[in-house]
Amino acid sequence: MQLHPRHFGRDLRGKLVAKLMKDVEGTCSGRHGFVVAITGIESVGKGLIRDGTGFVTFPVKYQCVVFRPFQGEILEAVVTMVNKVCFVLCC
């Protein structure tokens, strides 16, 4: 997780967690699925300063709730929106 130097200060961990939630919740990856919510922070490691930018990269281990349906899996849901590209379901 990268953090801009303007966020350094007394509440560094809180700002790091807020940025993690903003950047990760609601995203989707093929490996893990759709990240619904971050439920806990296990650890925040020592930051590494990026040359020339001042940004610091922190290794963060966290727990989250994911949704990863598999091909052929049957789900119970209500269709809430349909367009040319996709359809949206609500469970």
C-alpha atoms as a PDB file:
ATOM      1  CA  MET A   1       0.000   0.000   0.000  1.00  0.00           C
ATOM      2  CA  GLN A   2       1.504   3.345  -1.058  1.00  0.00           C
ATOM      3  CA  LEU A   3       0.981   6.469   1.003  1.00  0.00           C
ATOM      4  CA  HIS A   4       1.782  10.097   0.125  1.00  0.00           C
ATOM      5  CA  PRO A   5       4.055  12.005   2.547  1.00  0.00           C
ATOM      6  CA  ARG A   6       1.288  14.508   3.411  1.00  0.00           C
ATOM      7  CA  HIS A   7      -0.415  11.705   5.375  1.00  0.00           C
ATOM      8  CA  PHE A   8       2.555  11.127   7.689  1.00  0.00           C
ATOM      9  CA  GLY A   9       1.925  12.109  11.279  1.00  0.00           C
ATOM     10  CA  ARG A  10       0.191  10.994  14.432  1.00  0.00           C
ATOM     11  CA  ASP A  11      -2.576   8.976  12.753  1.00  0.00           C
ATOM     12  CA  LEU A  12      -0.450   7.261  10.104  1.00  0.00           C
ATOM     13  CA  ARG A  13      -1.934   3.802  10.718  1.00  0.00           C
ATOM     14  CA  GLY A  14      -5.503   5.128  10.567  1.00  0.00           C
ATOM     15  CA  LYS A  15      -4.873   6.899   7.278  1.00  0.00           C
ATOM     16  CA  LEU A  16      -3.195   3.788   5.884  1.00  0.00           C
ATOM     17  CA  VAL A  17      -6.205   1.634   6.837  1.00  0.00           C
ATOM     18  CA  ALA A  18      -8.637   4.185   5.349  1.00  0.00           C
ATOM     19  CA  LYS A  19      -6.694   4.223   2.061  1.00  0.00           C
ATOM     20  CA  LEU A  20      -6.590   0.419   2.022  1.00  0.00           C
ATOM     21  CA  MET A  21     -10.372   0.240   2.414  1.00  0.00           C
ATOM     22  CA  LYS A  22     -10.915   2.877  -0.277  1.00  0.00           C
ATOM     23  CA  ASP A  23      -8.534   1.188  -2.740  1.00  0.00           C
ATOM     24  CA  VAL A  24      -9.425  -2.475  -2.124  1.00  0.00           C
ATOM     25  CA  GLU A  25     -13.096  -2.756  -1.124  1.00  0.00           C
ATOM     26  CA  GLY A  26     -15.289  -3.140  -4.180  1.00  0.00           C
ATOM     27  CA  THR A  27     -12.497  -4.379  -6.449  1.00  0.00           C
ATOM     28  CA  CYS A  28     -12.388  -7.686  -8.248  1.00  0.00           C
ATOM     29  CA  SER A  29      -9.490  -9.967  -9.140  1.00  0.00           C
ATOM     30  CA  GLY A  30      -9.563 -13.255 -11.000  1.00  0.00           C
ATOM     31  CA  ARG A  31      -7.576 -14.965  -8.265  1.00  0.00           C
ATOM     32  CA  HIS A  32      -9.547 -13.927  -5.169  1.00  0.00           C
ATOM     33  CA  GLY A  33     -12.889 -12.683  -6.493  1.00  0.00           C
ATOM     34  CA  PHE A  34     -14.857  -9.580  -5.498  1.00  0.00           C
ATOM     35  CA  VAL A  35     -13.679  -7.953  -2.248  1.00  0.00           C
ATOM     36  CA  VAL A  36     -16.846  -7.167  -0.305  1.00  0.00           C
ATOM     37  CA  ALA A  37     -15.312  -5.772   2.903  1.00  0.00           C
ATOM     38  CA  ILE A  38     -12.079  -5.637   4.868  1.00  0.00           C
ATOM     39  CA  THR A  39     -12.731  -7.185   8.269  1.00  0.00           C
ATOM     40  CA  GLY A  40      -9.390  -6.789   9.984  1.00  0.00           C
ATOM     41  CA  ILE A  41      -5.789  -5.682   9.733  1.00  0.00           C
ATOM     42  CA  GLU A  42      -3.305  -8.373  10.768  1.00  0.00           C
ATOM     43  CA  SER A  43      -0.108  -6.360  10.431  1.00  0.00           C
ATOM     44  CA  VAL A  44       1.470  -3.274   8.907  1.00  0.00           C
ATOM     45  CA  GLY A  45       5.166  -3.673   8.118  1.00  0.00           C
ATOM     46  CA  LYS A  46       7.947  -1.136   7.913  1.00  0.00           C
ATOM     47  CA  GLY A  47       7.613   1.313   5.047  1.00  0.00           C
ATOM     48  CA  LEU A  48      10.002   1.531   2.100  1.00  0.00           C
ATOM     49  CA  ILE A  49      10.629   5.034   0.702  1.00  0.00           C
ATOM     50  CA  ARG A  50      10.306   5.297  -3.089  1.00  0.00           C
ATOM     51  CA  ASP A  51      13.200   7.175  -4.684  1.00  0.00           C
ATOM     52  CA  GLY A  52      12.300  10.488  -6.264  1.00  0.00           C
ATOM     53  CA  THR A  53       8.649  10.553  -5.166  1.00  0.00           C
ATOM     54  CA  GLY A  54       8.658  10.486  -1.374  1.00  0.00           C
ATOM     55  CA  PHE A  55       5.847   7.939  -1.389  1.00  0.00           C
ATOM     56  CA  VAL A  56       6.234   5.116   1.096  1.00  0.00           C
ATOM     57  CA  THR A  57       5.154   1.547   0.356  1.00  0.00           C
ATOM     58  CA  PHE A  58       3.908  -0.401   3.389  1.00  0.00           C
ATOM     59  CA  PRO A  59       3.362  -4.174   3.360  1.00  0.00           C
ATOM     60  CA  VAL A  60      -0.104  -4.773   4.847  1.00  0.00           C
ATOM     61  CA  LYS A  61      -1.678  -8.122   5.756  1.00  0.00           C
ATOM     62  CA  TYR A  62      -5.440  -7.999   6.125  1.00  0.00           C
ATOM     63  CA  GLN A  63      -8.516 -10.203   6.304  1.00  0.00           C
ATOM     64  CA  CYS A  64     -11.499  -9.633   4.072  1.00  0.00           C
ATOM     65  CA  VAL A  65     -14.795 -11.084   2.907  1.00  0.00           C
ATOM     66  CA  VAL A  66     -14.757 -12.068  -0.763  1.00  0.00           C
ATOM     67  CA  PHE A  67     -17.391 -13.275  -3.203  1.00  0.00           C
ATOM     68  CA  ARG A  68     -16.113 -15.648  -5.860  1.00  0.00           C
ATOM     69  CA  PRO A  69     -18.784 -17.541  -7.770  1.00  0.00           C
ATOM     70  CA  PHE A  70     -17.688 -20.454  -9.944  1.00  0.00           C
ATOM     71  CA  GLN A  71     -18.893 -21.410 -13.408  1.00  0.00           C
ATOM     72  CA  GLY A  72     -21.953 -23.608 -13.082  1.00  0.00           C
ATOM     73  CA  GLU A  73     -22.690 -22.496  -9.533  1.00  0.00           C
ATOM     74  CA  ILE A  74     -26.348 -21.711  -8.853  1.00  0.00           C
ATOM     75  CA  LEU A  75     -27.079 -18.519  -6.943  1.00  0.00           C
ATOM     76  CA  GLU A  76     -30.351 -17.129  -5.633  1.00  0.00           C
ATOM     77  CA  ALA A  77     -30.616 -13.419  -6.442  1.00  0.00           C
ATOM     78  CA  VAL A  78     -32.863 -10.647  -7.760  1.00  0.00           C
ATOM     79  CA  VAL A  79     -32.002  -8.894 -11.030  1.00  0.00           C
ATOM     80  CA  THR A  80     -31.738  -5.154 -10.311  1.00  0.00           C
ATOM     81  CA  MET A  81     -30.358  -3.828 -13.620  1.00  0.00           C
ATOM     82  CA  VAL A  82     -29.818  -5.029 -17.182  1.00  0.00           C
ATOM     83  CA  ASN A  83     -27.917  -3.318 -20.007  1.00  0.00           C
ATOM     84  CA  LYS A  84     -26.009  -4.307 -23.182  1.00  0.00           C
ATOM     85  CA  VAL A  85     -22.814  -5.190 -21.316  1.00  0.00           C
ATOM     86  CA  CYS A  86     -23.967  -6.858 -18.102  1.00  0.00           C
ATOM     87  CA  PHE A  87     -26.689  -7.470 -15.586  1.00  0.00           C
ATOM     88  CA  VAL A  88     -26.625  -6.683 -11.847  1.00  0.00           C
ATOM     89  CA  LEU A  89     -27.957  -9.015  -9.177  1.00  0.00           C
ATOM     90  CA  CYS A  90     -28.807  -8.403  -5.536  1.00  0.00           C
ATOM     91  CA  CYS A  91     -28.689 -11.338  -3.129  1.00  0.00           C
END
